Protein backbone atom coordinates (compact mmCIF):
# COMPACT_ATOMS: atom_id res chain seq x y z
CA MET A 1 0.00 0.00 0.00
CA PHE A 2 1.19 3.57 0.54
CA ARG A 3 4.10 4.33 2.88
CA LYS A 4 3.36 8.06 3.17
CA ILE A 5 0.11 9.96 2.79
CA LEU A 6 -0.30 13.71 2.33
CA TYR A 7 -3.66 14.76 3.73
CA PRO A 8 -4.50 18.31 2.59
CA THR A 9 -7.57 19.69 4.32
CA ASP A 10 -9.62 22.82 4.66
CA PHE A 11 -11.46 21.37 7.70
CA SER A 12 -14.79 21.67 5.88
CA ASP A 13 -17.69 19.32 6.68
CA CYS A 14 -16.80 17.15 3.71
CA ALA A 15 -13.13 16.96 4.69
CA THR A 16 -13.97 15.62 8.15
CA LYS A 17 -14.70 12.21 6.59
CA ALA A 18 -11.12 11.71 5.39
CA PRO A 19 -9.45 10.94 8.76
CA GLY A 20 -11.52 7.77 9.02
CA TYR A 21 -10.06 6.55 5.74
CA VAL A 22 -6.56 7.61 6.76
CA LYS A 23 -6.88 5.58 9.96
CA LYS A 24 -7.78 2.51 7.91
CA LEU A 25 -4.72 3.02 5.71
CA ARG A 26 -2.54 3.26 8.83
CA GLU A 27 -3.91 -0.11 9.92
CA VAL A 28 -2.69 -1.74 6.69
CA GLY A 29 0.84 -0.39 6.79
CA THR A 30 1.02 3.31 6.07
CA GLU A 31 4.01 4.61 8.01
CA GLU A 32 3.46 8.36 7.94
CA VAL A 33 0.55 10.74 7.48
CA VAL A 34 1.27 14.43 6.94
CA LEU A 35 -1.61 16.84 7.47
CA VAL A 36 -1.45 20.12 5.56
CA HIS A 37 -3.80 23.06 6.09
CA VAL A 38 -3.30 25.97 3.70
CA ILE A 39 -5.07 29.27 4.11
CA ASP A 40 -5.56 31.26 0.93
CA LEU A 41 -4.98 34.87 1.96
CA ARG A 42 -6.03 36.14 -1.47
CA GLU A 43 -9.64 35.79 -0.35
CA LYS A 44 -9.11 38.13 2.62
CA ARG A 45 -9.63 41.86 2.28
CA TRP A 46 -6.98 43.48 4.48
């Protein structure tokens, strides 16, 4: 299976389902999961 998984998230309602799948992948041999949360500042009006 996969040794490393990159889990990009925006913490939306839809994205909250992904950790359950990531946990399953850890159970079958994934060694590392990297969570990335990126905030797009272009949407902000400073």
